[in-house]
Amino acid sequence: MKTNPHFQDADAFYEQLLDAHAGLSREDSELLNARLILLLANQIGDASVLKACIDAARDMPATPV
């Protein structure tokens, strides 16, 4: 499982994510995140990798070190 950024132009991705959430209520923002997680999980498609990602996300600090 990759835990470091592994895609081109991380800044552009972050901007797209912020733009997608712009103007949304907290509830709608959370629903967008849930739908995005499900779509990305479909791309991964491996239950053991998904579990490892969930565990890693839970163990990560809330703010970057």
C-alpha atoms as a PDB file:
ATOM      1  CA  MET A   1       0.000   0.000   0.000  1.00  0.00           C
ATOM      2  CA  LYS A   2       1.304   3.419  -0.953  1.00  0.00           C
ATOM      3  CA  THR A   3       1.082   5.992   1.862  1.00  0.00           C
ATOM      4  CA  ASN A   4       3.058   8.771   0.200  1.00  0.00           C
ATOM      5  CA  PRO A   5       1.589  10.858  -2.623  1.00  0.00           C
ATOM      6  CA  HIS A   6       1.801   8.780  -5.788  1.00  0.00           C
ATOM      7  CA  PHE A   7       0.202  10.913  -8.474  1.00  0.00           C
ATOM      8  CA  GLN A   8       1.142  13.824 -10.660  1.00  0.00           C
ATOM      9  CA  ASP A   9       0.274  17.377  -9.641  1.00  0.00           C
ATOM     10  CA  ALA A  10      -0.973  16.883  -6.094  1.00  0.00           C
ATOM     11  CA  ASP A  11      -1.713  20.612  -5.872  1.00  0.00           C
ATOM     12  CA  ALA A  12      -4.147  20.415  -8.790  1.00  0.00           C
ATOM     13  CA  PHE A  13      -5.890  17.444  -7.154  1.00  0.00           C
ATOM     14  CA  TYR A  14      -6.228  19.367  -3.898  1.00  0.00           C
ATOM     15  CA  GLU A  15      -7.659  22.382  -5.738  1.00  0.00           C
ATOM     16  CA  GLN A  16     -10.187  20.152  -7.536  1.00  0.00           C
ATOM     17  CA  LEU A  17     -11.235  18.678  -4.208  1.00  0.00           C
ATOM     18  CA  LEU A  18     -11.628  22.126  -2.636  1.00  0.00           C
ATOM     19  CA  ASP A  19     -13.604  23.344  -5.659  1.00  0.00           C
ATOM     20  CA  ALA A  20     -15.920  20.328  -5.431  1.00  0.00           C
ATOM     21  CA  HIS A  21     -16.718  21.240  -1.818  1.00  0.00           C
ATOM     22  CA  ALA A  22     -17.105  24.975  -2.386  1.00  0.00           C
ATOM     23  CA  GLY A  23     -20.506  26.239  -1.289  1.00  0.00           C
ATOM     24  CA  LEU A  24     -21.665  22.901   0.115  1.00  0.00           C
ATOM     25  CA  SER A  25     -23.192  22.517   3.552  1.00  0.00           C
ATOM     26  CA  ARG A  26     -21.297  20.314   5.980  1.00  0.00           C
ATOM     27  CA  GLU A  27     -23.795  17.497   5.366  1.00  0.00           C
ATOM     28  CA  ASP A  28     -23.499  17.764   1.568  1.00  0.00           C
ATOM     29  CA  SER A  29     -19.712  17.929   1.874  1.00  0.00           C
ATOM     30  CA  GLU A  30     -19.697  14.747   3.956  1.00  0.00           C
ATOM     31  CA  LEU A  31     -21.972  13.035   1.426  1.00  0.00           C
ATOM     32  CA  LEU A  32     -19.635  14.070  -1.398  1.00  0.00           C
ATOM     33  CA  ASN A  33     -16.705  12.571   0.513  1.00  0.00           C
ATOM     34  CA  ALA A  34     -18.641   9.345   1.082  1.00  0.00           C
ATOM     35  CA  ARG A  35     -19.513   9.031  -2.618  1.00  0.00           C
ATOM     36  CA  LEU A  36     -15.914   9.790  -3.593  1.00  0.00           C
ATOM     37  CA  ILE A  37     -14.601   7.154  -1.191  1.00  0.00           C
ATOM     38  CA  LEU A  38     -16.960   4.552  -2.654  1.00  0.00           C
ATOM     39  CA  LEU A  39     -15.925   5.405  -6.211  1.00  0.00           C
ATOM     40  CA  LEU A  40     -12.241   5.205  -5.331  1.00  0.00           C
ATOM     41  CA  ALA A  41     -12.807   1.930  -3.457  1.00  0.00           C
ATOM     42  CA  ASN A  42     -14.375   0.529  -6.638  1.00  0.00           C
ATOM     43  CA  GLN A  43     -11.192   1.461  -8.506  1.00  0.00           C
ATOM     44  CA  ILE A  44      -9.051  -0.374  -5.931  1.00  0.00           C
ATOM     45  CA  GLY A  45     -11.352  -3.377  -5.761  1.00  0.00           C
ATOM     46  CA  ASP A  46      -9.230  -5.344  -3.284  1.00  0.00           C
ATOM     47  CA  ALA A  47     -10.743  -5.770   0.195  1.00  0.00           C
ATOM     48  CA  SER A  48      -7.378  -6.336   1.887  1.00  0.00           C
ATOM     49  CA  VAL A  49      -5.932  -3.151   0.370  1.00  0.00           C
ATOM     50  CA  LEU A  50      -9.047  -1.197   1.365  1.00  0.00           C
ATOM     51  CA  LYS A  51      -8.769  -2.474   4.948  1.00  0.00           C
ATOM     52  CA  ALA A  52      -5.085  -1.536   5.039  1.00  0.00           C
ATOM     53  CA  CYS A  53      -5.970   1.955   3.785  1.00  0.00           C
ATOM     54  CA  ILE A  54      -8.685   2.373   6.421  1.00  0.00           C
ATOM     55  CA  ASP A  55      -6.298   1.236   9.153  1.00  0.00           C
ATOM     56  CA  ALA A  56      -3.527   3.558   7.898  1.00  0.00           C
ATOM     57  CA  ALA A  57      -5.907   6.527   7.687  1.00  0.00           C
ATOM     58  CA  ARG A  58      -7.096   5.885  11.234  1.00  0.00           C
ATOM     59  CA  ASP A  59      -3.488   5.798  12.486  1.00  0.00           C
ATOM     60  CA  MET A  60      -2.330   8.923  10.647  1.00  0.00           C
ATOM     61  CA  PRO A  61      -1.975  12.166  12.615  1.00  0.00           C
ATOM     62  CA  ALA A  62      -4.824  14.642  12.131  1.00  0.00           C
ATOM     63  CA  THR A  63      -2.381  17.240  10.839  1.00  0.00           C
ATOM     64  CA  PRO A  64       0.664  16.697   8.643  1.00  0.00           C
ATOM     65  CA  VAL A  65       3.907  16.315  10.558  1.00  0.00           C
END
